[in-house]
């Protein structure tokens, strides 16, 4: 029988994995758009972030689907958190006639 502390740890691991994945995506975009080797940045980052996330999910789950669900929920929490934290703070509406 799975215990609540194990699910909480899986949730926290999912938050950490999500923060690494989506924080790394934000960092890659910031560096990649100004880089001469943007394709290499994006491909390398994709492979590294996906490998870390999949490996983390595999390690955390230990074959239990409830831990996978808890980890995925934490991953989604991190997605929304990183999205909110990296959103531009001074967003001004477009002026009339401006694109």
PDB file of N, CA and C in Angstrom:
ATOM      1  N   UNK A   1       0.837  -1.188   0.000  1.00  0.00           N
ATOM      2  CA  UNK A   1       0.000   0.000   0.000  1.00  0.00           C
ATOM      3  C   UNK A   1       0.874   1.241   0.000  1.00  0.00           C
ATOM      4  N   UNK A   2       0.514   2.177  -0.840  1.00  0.00           N
ATOM      5  CA  UNK A   2       1.279   3.419  -0.957  1.00  0.00           C
ATOM      6  C   UNK A   2       0.886   4.368   0.167  1.00  0.00           C
ATOM      7  N   UNK A   3       1.845   5.061   0.691  1.00  0.00           N
ATOM      8  CA  UNK A   3       1.582   5.992   1.778  1.00  0.00           C
ATOM      9  C   UNK A   3       1.590   7.418   1.264  1.00  0.00           C
ATOM     10  N   UNK A   4       0.939   8.282   2.002  1.00  0.00           N
ATOM     11  CA  UNK A   4       0.829   9.693   1.640  1.00  0.00           C
ATOM     12  C   UNK A   4       2.209  10.373   1.551  1.00  0.00           C
ATOM     13  N   UNK A   5       3.136  10.132   2.487  1.00  0.00           N
ATOM     14  CA  UNK A   5       4.456  10.776   2.355  1.00  0.00           C
ATOM     15  C   UNK A   5       5.179  10.438   1.048  1.00  0.00           C
ATOM     16  N   UNK A   6       5.003   9.216   0.571  1.00  0.00           N
ATOM     17  CA  UNK A   6       5.643   8.839  -0.697  1.00  0.00           C
ATOM     18  C   UNK A   6       5.042   9.624  -1.856  1.00  0.00           C
ATOM     19  N   UNK A   7       3.736   9.866  -1.810  1.00  0.00           N
ATOM     20  CA  UNK A   7       3.093  10.653  -2.863  1.00  0.00           C
ATOM     21  C   UNK A   7       3.495  12.117  -2.788  1.00  0.00           C
ATOM     22  N   UNK A   8       3.653  12.628  -1.575  1.00  0.00           N
ATOM     23  CA  UNK A   8       4.095  14.020  -1.420  1.00  0.00           C
ATOM     24  C   UNK A   8       5.513  14.183  -1.948  1.00  0.00           C
ATOM     25  N   UNK A   9       6.371  13.224  -1.676  1.00  0.00           N
ATOM     26  CA  UNK A   9       7.736  13.275  -2.213  1.00  0.00           C
ATOM     27  C   UNK A   9       7.739  13.196  -3.736  1.00  0.00           C
ATOM     28  N   UNK A  10       6.853  12.376  -4.296  1.00  0.00           N
ATOM     29  CA  UNK A  10       6.749  12.278  -5.752  1.00  0.00           C
ATOM     30  C   UNK A  10       6.248  13.599  -6.338  1.00  0.00           C
ATOM     31  N   UNK A  11       5.303  14.241  -5.656  1.00  0.00           N
ATOM     32  CA  UNK A  11       4.811  15.542  -6.091  1.00  0.00           C
ATOM     33  C   UNK A  11       5.923  16.584  -6.083  1.00  0.00           C
ATOM     34  N   UNK A  12       6.705  16.615  -5.012  1.00  0.00           N
ATOM     35  CA  UNK A  12       7.816  17.570  -4.916  1.00  0.00           C
ATOM     36  C   UNK A  12       8.895  17.287  -5.961  1.00  0.00           C
ATOM     37  N   UNK A  13       9.131  16.018  -6.236  1.00  0.00           N
ATOM     38  CA  UNK A  13      10.084  15.656  -7.287  1.00  0.00           C
ATOM     39  C   UNK A  13       9.575  16.125  -8.639  1.00  0.00           C
ATOM     40  N   UNK A  14       8.270  16.029  -8.869  1.00  0.00           N
ATOM     41  CA  UNK A  14       7.682  16.519 -10.114  1.00  0.00           C
ATOM     42  C   UNK A  14       7.824  18.025 -10.252  1.00  0.00           C
ATOM     43  N   UNK A  15       7.649  18.746  -9.142  1.00  0.00           N
ATOM     44  CA  UNK A  15       7.850  20.203  -9.174  1.00  0.00           C
ATOM     45  C   UNK A  15       9.297  20.513  -9.533  1.00  0.00           C
ATOM     46  N   UNK A  16      10.228  19.794  -8.941  1.00  0.00           N
ATOM     47  CA  UNK A  16      11.644  20.021  -9.236  1.00  0.00           C
ATOM     48  C   UNK A  16      11.964  19.694 -10.701  1.00  0.00           C
ATOM     49  N   UNK A  17      11.449  18.567 -11.186  1.00  0.00           N
ATOM     50  CA  UNK A  17      11.692  18.202 -12.583  1.00  0.00           C
ATOM     51  C   UNK A  17      11.072  19.223 -13.538  1.00  0.00           C
ATOM     52  N   UNK A  18       9.880  19.688 -13.214  1.00  0.00           N
ATOM     53  CA  UNK A  18       9.231  20.696 -14.042  1.00  0.00           C
ATOM     54  C   UNK A  18       9.982  22.009 -14.034  1.00  0.00           C
ATOM     55  N   UNK A  19      10.506  22.391 -12.870  1.00  0.00           N
ATOM     56  CA  UNK A  19      11.274  23.629 -12.786  1.00  0.00           C
ATOM     57  C   UNK A  19      12.544  23.532 -13.635  1.00  0.00           C
ATOM     58  N   UNK A  20      13.182  22.384 -13.601  1.00  0.00           N
ATOM     59  CA  UNK A  20      14.367  22.182 -14.431  1.00  0.00           C
ATOM     60  C   UNK A  20      13.989  22.215 -15.905  1.00  0.00           C
ATOM     61  N   UNK A  21      12.917  21.510 -16.270  1.00  0.00           N
ATOM     62  CA  UNK A  21      12.520  21.418 -17.669  1.00  0.00           C
ATOM     63  C   UNK A  21      12.093  22.783 -18.219  1.00  0.00           C
ATOM     64  N   UNK A  22      11.147  23.436 -17.565  1.00  0.00           N
ATOM     65  CA  UNK A  22      10.615  24.685 -18.101  1.00  0.00           C
ATOM     66  C   UNK A  22      11.539  25.875 -17.835  1.00  0.00           C
ATOM     67  N   UNK A  23      12.283  25.837 -16.737  1.00  0.00           N
ATOM     68  CA  UNK A  23      13.303  26.860 -16.518  1.00  0.00           C
ATOM     69  C   UNK A  23      14.410  26.750 -17.562  1.00  0.00           C
ATOM     70  N   UNK A  24      14.781  25.518 -17.887  1.00  0.00           N
ATOM     71  CA  UNK A  24      15.769  25.303 -18.936  1.00  0.00           C
ATOM     72  C   UNK A  24      15.266  25.741 -20.303  1.00  0.00           C
ATOM     73  N   UNK A  25      13.981  25.546 -20.548  1.00  0.00           N
ATOM     74  CA  UNK A  25      13.395  26.008 -21.805  1.00  0.00           C
ATOM     75  C   UNK A  25      13.456  27.527 -21.901  1.00  0.00           C
ATOM     76  N   UNK A  26      13.102  28.200 -20.824  1.00  0.00           N
ATOM     77  CA  UNK A  26      13.148  29.673 -20.796  1.00  0.00           C
ATOM     78  C   UNK A  26      14.579  30.163 -21.010  1.00  0.00           C
ATOM     79  N   UNK A  27      15.528  29.522 -20.327  1.00  0.00           N
ATOM     80  CA  UNK A  27      16.929  29.901 -20.465  1.00  0.00           C
ATOM     81  C   UNK A  27      17.418  29.667 -21.894  1.00  0.00           C
ATOM     82  N   UNK A  28      17.027  28.548 -22.494  1.00  0.00           N
ATOM     83  CA  UNK A  28      17.439  28.220 -23.858  1.00  0.00           C
ATOM     84  C   UNK A  28      16.895  29.233 -24.859  1.00  0.00           C
ATOM     85  N   UNK A  29      15.658  29.624 -24.690  1.00  0.00           N
ATOM     86  CA  UNK A  29      15.070  30.601 -25.608  1.00  0.00           C
ATOM     87  C   UNK A  29      15.802  31.925 -25.508  1.00  0.00           C
ATOM     88  N   UNK A  30      16.093  32.350 -24.292  1.00  0.00           N
ATOM     89  CA  UNK A  30      16.820  33.617 -24.120  1.00  0.00           C
ATOM     90  C   UNK A  30      18.202  33.579 -24.762  1.00  0.00           C
ATOM     91  N   UNK A  31      18.908  32.470 -24.624  1.00  0.00           N
ATOM     92  CA  UNK A  31      20.237  32.358 -25.223  1.00  0.00           C
ATOM     93  C   UNK A  31      20.175  32.021 -26.708  1.00  0.00           C
ATOM     94  N   UNK A  32      19.211  31.206 -27.082  1.00  0.00           N
ATOM     95  CA  UNK A  32      19.150  30.721 -28.461  1.00  0.00           C
ATOM     96  C   UNK A  32      18.795  31.778 -29.478  1.00  0.00           C
ATOM     97  N   UNK A  33      17.923  32.720 -29.110  1.00  0.00           N
ATOM     98  CA  UNK A  33      17.511  33.716 -30.096  1.00  0.00           C
ATOM     99  C   UNK A  33      18.631  34.698 -30.422  1.00  0.00           C
ATOM    100  N   UNK A  34      19.582  34.825 -29.524  1.00  0.00           N
ATOM    101  CA  UNK A  34      20.694  35.738 -29.777  1.00  0.00           C
ATOM    102  C   UNK A  34      21.945  35.003 -30.270  1.00  0.00           C
ATOM    103  N   UNK A  35      21.864  33.688 -30.360  1.00  0.00           N
ATOM    104  CA  UNK A  35      23.035  32.903 -30.710  1.00  0.00           C
ATOM    105  C   UNK A  35      23.148  32.691 -32.215  1.00  0.00           C
ATOM    106  N   UNK A  36      24.360  32.519 -32.632  1.00  0.00           N
ATOM    107  CA  UNK A  36      24.615  32.189 -34.026  1.00  0.00           C
ATOM    108  C   UNK A  36      24.279  30.727 -34.307  1.00  0.00           C
ATOM    109  N   UNK A  37      24.330  29.907 -33.270  1.00  0.00           N
ATOM    110  CA  UNK A  37      24.076  28.471 -33.384  1.00  0.00           C
ATOM    111  C   UNK A  37      22.768  28.115 -32.683  1.00  0.00           C
ATOM    112  N   UNK A  38      21.713  28.788 -33.038  1.00  0.00           N
ATOM    113  CA  UNK A  38      20.428  28.610 -32.363  1.00  0.00           C
ATOM    114  C   UNK A  38      19.910  27.172 -32.469  1.00  0.00           C
ATOM    115  N   UNK A  39      20.027  26.571 -33.631  1.00  0.00           N
ATOM    116  CA  UNK A  39      19.519  25.204 -33.811  1.00  0.00           C
ATOM    117  C   UNK A  39      20.228  24.226 -32.883  1.00  0.00           C
ATOM    118  N   UNK A  40      21.525  24.374 -32.717  1.00  0.00           N
ATOM    119  CA  UNK A  40      22.275  23.496 -31.818  1.00  0.00           C
ATOM    120  C   UNK A  40      21.844  23.701 -30.374  1.00  0.00           C
ATOM    121  N   UNK A  41      21.624  24.948 -29.978  1.00  0.00           N
ATOM    122  CA  UNK A  41      21.140  25.243 -28.624  1.00  0.00           C
ATOM    123  C   UNK A  41      19.801  24.561 -28.373  1.00  0.00           C
ATOM    124  N   UNK A  42      18.867  24.755 -29.310  1.00  0.00           N
ATOM    125  CA  UNK A  42      17.529  24.215 -29.112  1.00  0.00           C
ATOM    126  C   UNK A  42      17.523  22.691 -29.126  1.00  0.00           C
ATOM    127  N   UNK A  43      18.254  22.079 -30.027  1.00  0.00           N
ATOM    128  CA  UNK A  43      18.304  20.625 -30.087  1.00  0.00           C
ATOM    129  C   UNK A  43      18.987  20.036 -28.854  1.00  0.00           C
ATOM    130  N   UNK A  44      20.115  20.599 -28.493  1.00  0.00           N
ATOM    131  CA  UNK A  44      20.824  20.108 -27.313  1.00  0.00           C
ATOM    132  C   UNK A  44      20.007  20.269 -26.046  1.00  0.00           C
ATOM    133  N   UNK A  45      19.358  21.405 -25.920  1.00  0.00           N
ATOM    134  CA  UNK A  45      18.529  21.650 -24.751  1.00  0.00           C
ATOM    135  C   UNK A  45      17.342  20.698 -24.703  1.00  0.00           C
ATOM    136  N   UNK A  46      16.718  20.469 -25.846  1.00  0.00           N
ATOM    137  CA  UNK A  46      15.582  19.551 -25.903  1.00  0.00           C
ATOM    138  C   UNK A  46      15.987  18.153 -25.453  1.00  0.00           C
ATOM    139  N   UNK A  47      17.091  17.668 -25.968  1.00  0.00           N
ATOM    140  CA  UNK A  47      17.547  16.330 -25.615  1.00  0.00           C
ATOM    141  C   UNK A  47      17.914  16.233 -24.132  1.00  0.00           C
ATOM    142  N   UNK A  48      18.602  17.233 -23.618  1.00  0.00           N
ATOM    143  CA  UNK A  48      19.012  17.224 -22.216  1.00  0.00           C
ATOM    144  C   UNK A  48      17.808  17.338 -21.288  1.00  0.00           C
ATOM    145  N   UNK A  49      16.913  18.299 -21.552  1.00  0.00           N
ATOM    146  CA  UNK A  49      15.744  18.496 -20.692  1.00  0.00           C
ATOM    147  C   UNK A  49      14.819  17.282 -20.717  1.00  0.00           C
ATOM    148  N   UNK A  50      14.592  16.714 -21.899  1.00  0.00           N
ATOM    149  CA  UNK A  50      13.729  15.547 -22.006  1.00  0.00           C
ATOM    150  C   UNK A  50      14.351  14.343 -21.310  1.00  0.00           C
ATOM    151  N   UNK A  51      15.642  14.172 -21.461  1.00  0.00           N
ATOM    152  CA  UNK A  51      16.323  13.062 -20.788  1.00  0.00           C
ATOM    153  C   UNK A  51      16.246  13.178 -19.275  1.00  0.00           C
ATOM    154  N   UNK A  52      16.440  14.385 -18.758  1.00  0.00           N
ATOM    155  CA  UNK A  52      16.351  14.592 -17.315  1.00  0.00           C
ATOM    156  C   UNK A  52      14.929  14.325 -16.831  1.00  0.00           C
ATOM    157  N   UNK A  53      13.939  14.843 -17.550  1.00  0.00           N
ATOM    158  CA  UNK A  53      12.545  14.669 -17.127  1.00  0.00           C
ATOM    159  C   UNK A  53      12.127  13.196 -17.182  1.00  0.00           C
ATOM    160  N   UNK A  54      12.418  12.518 -18.267  1.00  0.00           N
ATOM    161  CA  UNK A  54      12.026  11.112 -18.380  1.00  0.00           C
ATOM    162  C   UNK A  54      12.765  10.236 -17.373  1.00  0.00           C
ATOM    163  N   UNK A  55      14.045  10.498 -17.215  1.00  0.00           N
ATOM    164  CA  UNK A  55      14.810   9.749 -16.221  1.00  0.00           C
ATOM    165  C   UNK A  55      14.303   9.988 -14.809  1.00  0.00           C
ATOM    166  N   UNK A  56      13.946  11.235 -14.521  1.00  0.00           N
ATOM    167  CA  UNK A  56      13.395  11.558 -13.205  1.00  0.00           C
ATOM    168  C   UNK A  56      12.058  10.891 -12.966  1.00  0.00           C
ATOM    169  N   UNK A  57      11.187  10.902 -13.971  1.00  0.00           N
ATOM    170  CA  UNK A  57       9.896  10.226 -13.835  1.00  0.00           C
ATOM    171  C   UNK A  57      10.096   8.729 -13.604  1.00  0.00           C
ATOM    172  N   UNK A  58      11.004   8.150 -14.326  1.00  0.00           N
ATOM    173  CA  UNK A  58      11.274   6.712 -14.184  1.00  0.00           C
ATOM    174  C   UNK A  58      11.812   6.395 -12.794  1.00  0.00           C
ATOM    175  N   UNK A  59      12.740   7.229 -12.328  1.00  0.00           N
ATOM    176  CA  UNK A  59      13.346   7.011 -11.010  1.00  0.00           C
ATOM    177  C   UNK A  59      12.319   7.192  -9.893  1.00  0.00           C
ATOM    178  N   UNK A  60      11.484   8.225 -10.010  1.00  0.00           N
ATOM    179  CA  UNK A  60      10.500   8.524  -8.970  1.00  0.00           C
ATOM    180  C   UNK A  60       9.401   7.469  -8.933  1.00  0.00           C
ATOM    181  N   UNK A  61       8.966   6.994 -10.087  1.00  0.00           N
ATOM    182  CA  UNK A  61       7.802   6.105 -10.138  1.00  0.00           C
ATOM    183  C   UNK A  61       8.062   4.752  -9.493  1.00  0.00           C
ATOM    184  N   UNK A  62       9.214   4.177  -9.723  1.00  0.00           N
ATOM    185  CA  UNK A  62       9.545   2.849  -9.219  1.00  0.00           C
ATOM    186  C   UNK A  62       8.443   1.837  -9.518  1.00  0.00           C
ATOM    187  N   UNK A  63       7.802   2.013 -10.684  1.00  0.00           N
ATOM    188  CA  UNK A  63       6.790   1.059 -11.123  1.00  0.00           C
ATOM    189  C   UNK A  63       5.400   1.285 -10.572  1.00  0.00           C
ATOM    190  N   UNK A  64       5.175   2.373  -9.842  1.00  0.00           N
ATOM    191  CA  UNK A  64       3.861   2.634  -9.253  1.00  0.00           C
ATOM    192  C   UNK A  64       3.185   3.782  -9.995  1.00  0.00           C
ATOM    193  N   UNK A  65       2.025   3.520 -10.565  1.00  0.00           N
ATOM    194  CA  UNK A  65       1.341   4.519 -11.382  1.00  0.00           C
ATOM    195  C   UNK A  65       0.874   5.706 -10.550  1.00  0.00           C
ATOM    196  N   UNK A  66       0.599   5.526  -9.264  1.00  0.00           N
ATOM    197  CA  UNK A  66       0.158   6.641  -8.422  1.00  0.00           C
ATOM    198  C   UNK A  66       1.279   7.650  -8.213  1.00  0.00           C
ATOM    199  N   UNK A  67       2.500   7.170  -8.131  1.00  0.00           N
ATOM    200  CA  UNK A  67       3.643   8.085  -8.020  1.00  0.00           C
ATOM    201  C   UNK A  67       3.856   8.841  -9.325  1.00  0.00           C
ATOM    202  N   UNK A  68       3.614   8.178 -10.445  1.00  0.00           N
ATOM    203  CA  UNK A  68       3.732   8.853 -11.745  1.00  0.00           C
ATOM    204  C   UNK A  68       2.709   9.981 -11.840  1.00  0.00           C
ATOM    205  N   UNK A  69       1.485   9.717 -11.404  1.00  0.00           N
ATOM    206  CA  UNK A  69       0.438  10.741 -11.451  1.00  0.00           C
ATOM    207  C   UNK A  69       0.795  11.905 -10.537  1.00  0.00           C
ATOM    208  N   UNK A  70       1.287  11.620  -9.332  1.00  0.00           N
ATOM    209  CA  UNK A  70       1.688  12.687  -8.407  1.00  0.00           C
ATOM    210  C   UNK A  70       2.844  13.493  -8.985  1.00  0.00           C
ATOM    211  N   UNK A  71       3.800  12.830  -9.598  1.00  0.00           N
ATOM    212  CA  UNK A  71       4.950  13.503 -10.207  1.00  0.00           C
ATOM    213  C   UNK A  71       4.497  14.365 -11.381  1.00  0.00           C
ATOM    214  N   UNK A  72       3.588  13.858 -12.182  1.00  0.00           N
ATOM    215  CA  UNK A  72       3.062  14.622 -13.305  1.00  0.00           C
ATOM    216  C   UNK A  72       2.304  15.857 -12.828  1.00  0.00           C
ATOM    217  N   UNK A  73       1.543  15.717 -11.761  1.00  0.00           N
ATOM    218  CA  UNK A  73       0.827  16.859 -11.201  1.00  0.00           C
ATOM    219  C   UNK A  73       1.820  17.923 -10.733  1.00  0.00           C
ATOM    220  N   UNK A  74       2.897  17.515 -10.077  1.00  0.00           N
ATOM    221  CA  UNK A  74       3.944  18.459  -9.669  1.00  0.00           C
ATOM    222  C   UNK A  74       4.617  19.110 -10.868  1.00  0.00           C
ATOM    223  N   UNK A  75       4.808  18.339 -11.926  1.00  0.00           N
ATOM    224  CA  UNK A  75       5.396  18.861 -13.160  1.00  0.00           C
ATOM    225  C   UNK A  75       4.518  19.971 -13.736  1.00  0.00           C
ATOM    226  N   UNK A  76       3.202  19.758 -13.723  1.00  0.00           N
ATOM    227  CA  UNK A  76       2.266  20.771 -14.226  1.00  0.00           C
ATOM    228  C   UNK A  76       2.230  21.998 -13.325  1.00  0.00           C
ATOM    229  N   UNK A  77       2.341  21.805 -12.024  1.00  0.00           N
ATOM    230  CA  UNK A  77       2.417  22.944 -11.105  1.00  0.00           C
ATOM    231  C   UNK A  77       3.639  23.798 -11.439  1.00  0.00           C
ATOM    232  N   UNK A  78       4.758  23.148 -11.698  1.00  0.00           N
ATOM    233  CA  UNK A  78       5.974  23.875 -12.062  1.00  0.00           C
ATOM    234  C   UNK A  78       5.802  24.597 -13.387  1.00  0.00           C
ATOM    235  N   UNK A  79       5.100  23.995 -14.320  1.00  0.00           N
ATOM    236  CA  UNK A  79       4.868  24.645 -15.611  1.00  0.00           C
ATOM    237  C   UNK A  79       4.136  25.959 -15.434  1.00  0.00           C
ATOM    238  N   UNK A  80       3.062  25.931 -14.666  1.00  0.00           N
ATOM    239  CA  UNK A  80       2.312  27.161 -14.438  1.00  0.00           C
ATOM    240  C   UNK A  80       3.116  28.169 -13.629  1.00  0.00           C
ATOM    241  N   UNK A  81       3.902  27.709 -12.677  1.00  0.00           N
ATOM    242  CA  UNK A  81       4.723  28.601 -11.864  1.00  0.00           C
ATOM    243  C   UNK A  81       5.800  29.289 -12.695  1.00  0.00           C
ATOM    244  N   UNK A  82       6.505  28.526 -13.501  1.00  0.00           N
ATOM    245  CA  UNK A  82       7.558  29.111 -14.339  1.00  0.00           C
ATOM    246  C   UNK A  82       6.945  30.066 -15.362  1.00  0.00           C
ATOM    247  N   UNK A  83       5.784  29.717 -15.901  1.00  0.00           N
ATOM    248  CA  UNK A  83       5.110  30.603 -16.849  1.00  0.00           C
ATOM    249  C   UNK A  83       4.773  31.933 -16.190  1.00  0.00           C
ATOM    250  N   UNK A  84       4.267  31.887 -14.978  1.00  0.00           N
ATOM    251  CA  UNK A  84       3.914  33.121 -14.279  1.00  0.00           C
ATOM    252  C   UNK A  84       5.155  33.932 -13.904  1.00  0.00           C
ATOM    253  N   UNK A  85       6.224  33.262 -13.483  1.00  0.00           N
ATOM    254  CA  UNK A  85       7.433  33.969 -13.061  1.00  0.00           C
ATOM    255  C   UNK A  85       8.203  34.583 -14.218  1.00  0.00           C
ATOM    256  N   UNK A  86       8.123  33.994 -15.395  1.00  0.00           N
ATOM    257  CA  UNK A  86       8.901  34.487 -16.527  1.00  0.00           C
ATOM    258  C   UNK A  86       8.105  35.387 -17.454  1.00  0.00           C
ATOM    259  N   UNK A  87       6.852  35.584 -17.139  1.00  0.00           N
ATOM    260  CA  UNK A  87       6.020  36.476 -17.951  1.00  0.00           C
ATOM    261  C   UNK A  87       6.551  37.897 -17.822  1.00  0.00           C
ATOM    262  N   UNK A  88       6.490  38.655 -18.908  1.00  0.00           N
ATOM    263  CA  UNK A  88       6.956  40.044 -18.893  1.00  0.00           C
ATOM    264  C   UNK A  88       6.127  40.835 -17.886  1.00  0.00           C
ATOM    265  N   UNK A  89       6.807  41.564 -17.013  1.00  0.00           N
ATOM    266  CA  UNK A  89       6.098  42.296 -15.968  1.00  0.00           C
ATOM    267  C   UNK A  89       5.484  43.591 -16.473  1.00  0.00           C
ATOM    268  N   UNK A  90       6.071  44.195 -17.454  1.00  0.00           N
ATOM    269  CA  UNK A  90       5.536  45.459 -17.963  1.00  0.00           C
ATOM    270  C   UNK A  90       4.976  45.244 -19.361  1.00  0.00           C
ATOM    271  N   UNK A  91       3.823  44.633 -19.425  1.00  0.00           N
ATOM    272  CA  UNK A  91       3.207  44.408 -20.721  1.00  0.00           C
ATOM    273  C   UNK A  91       2.250  45.553 -21.006  1.00  0.00           C
ATOM    274  N   UNK A  92       2.569  46.310 -22.034  1.00  0.00           N
ATOM    275  CA  UNK A  92       1.710  47.429 -22.419  1.00  0.00           C
ATOM    276  C   UNK A  92       0.948  47.052 -23.659  1.00  0.00           C
ATOM    277  N   UNK A  93      -0.308  47.433 -23.730  1.00  0.00           N
ATOM    278  CA  UNK A  93      -1.077  47.114 -24.940  1.00  0.00           C
ATOM    279  C   UNK A  93      -0.536  47.847 -26.144  1.00  0.00           C
ATOM    280  N   UNK A  94      -0.736  47.266 -27.292  1.00  0.00           N
ATOM    281  CA  UNK A  94      -0.283  47.888 -28.537  1.00  0.00           C
ATOM    282  C   UNK A  94      -1.048  49.176 -28.773  1.00  0.00           C
ATOM    283  N   UNK A  95      -0.350  50.181 -29.221  1.00  0.00           N
ATOM    284  CA  UNK A  95      -1.012  51.426 -29.563  1.00  0.00           C
ATOM    285  C   UNK A  95      -1.758  51.252 -30.866  1.00  0.00           C
ATOM    286  N   UNK A  96      -2.754  52.100 -31.096  1.00  0.00           N
ATOM    287  CA  UNK A  96      -3.514  52.000 -32.337  1.00  0.00           C
ATOM    288  C   UNK A  96      -2.588  52.224 -33.514  1.00  0.00           C
ATOM    289  N   UNK A  97      -2.723  51.377 -34.488  1.00  0.00           N
ATOM    290  CA  UNK A  97      -1.917  51.501 -35.701  1.00  0.00           C
ATOM    291  C   UNK A  97      -0.581  50.806 -35.596  1.00  0.00           C
ATOM    292  N   UNK A  98      -0.151  50.481 -34.402  1.00  0.00           N
ATOM    293  CA  UNK A  98       1.132  49.795 -34.236  1.00  0.00           C
ATOM    294  C   UNK A  98       0.898  48.297 -34.276  1.00  0.00           C
ATOM    295  N   UNK A  99       1.797  47.555 -34.884  1.00  0.00           N
ATOM    296  CA  UNK A  99       1.624  46.092 -34.956  1.00  0.00           C
ATOM    297  C   UNK A  99       1.860  45.412 -33.637  1.00  0.00           C
TER     298      UNK A  99
END
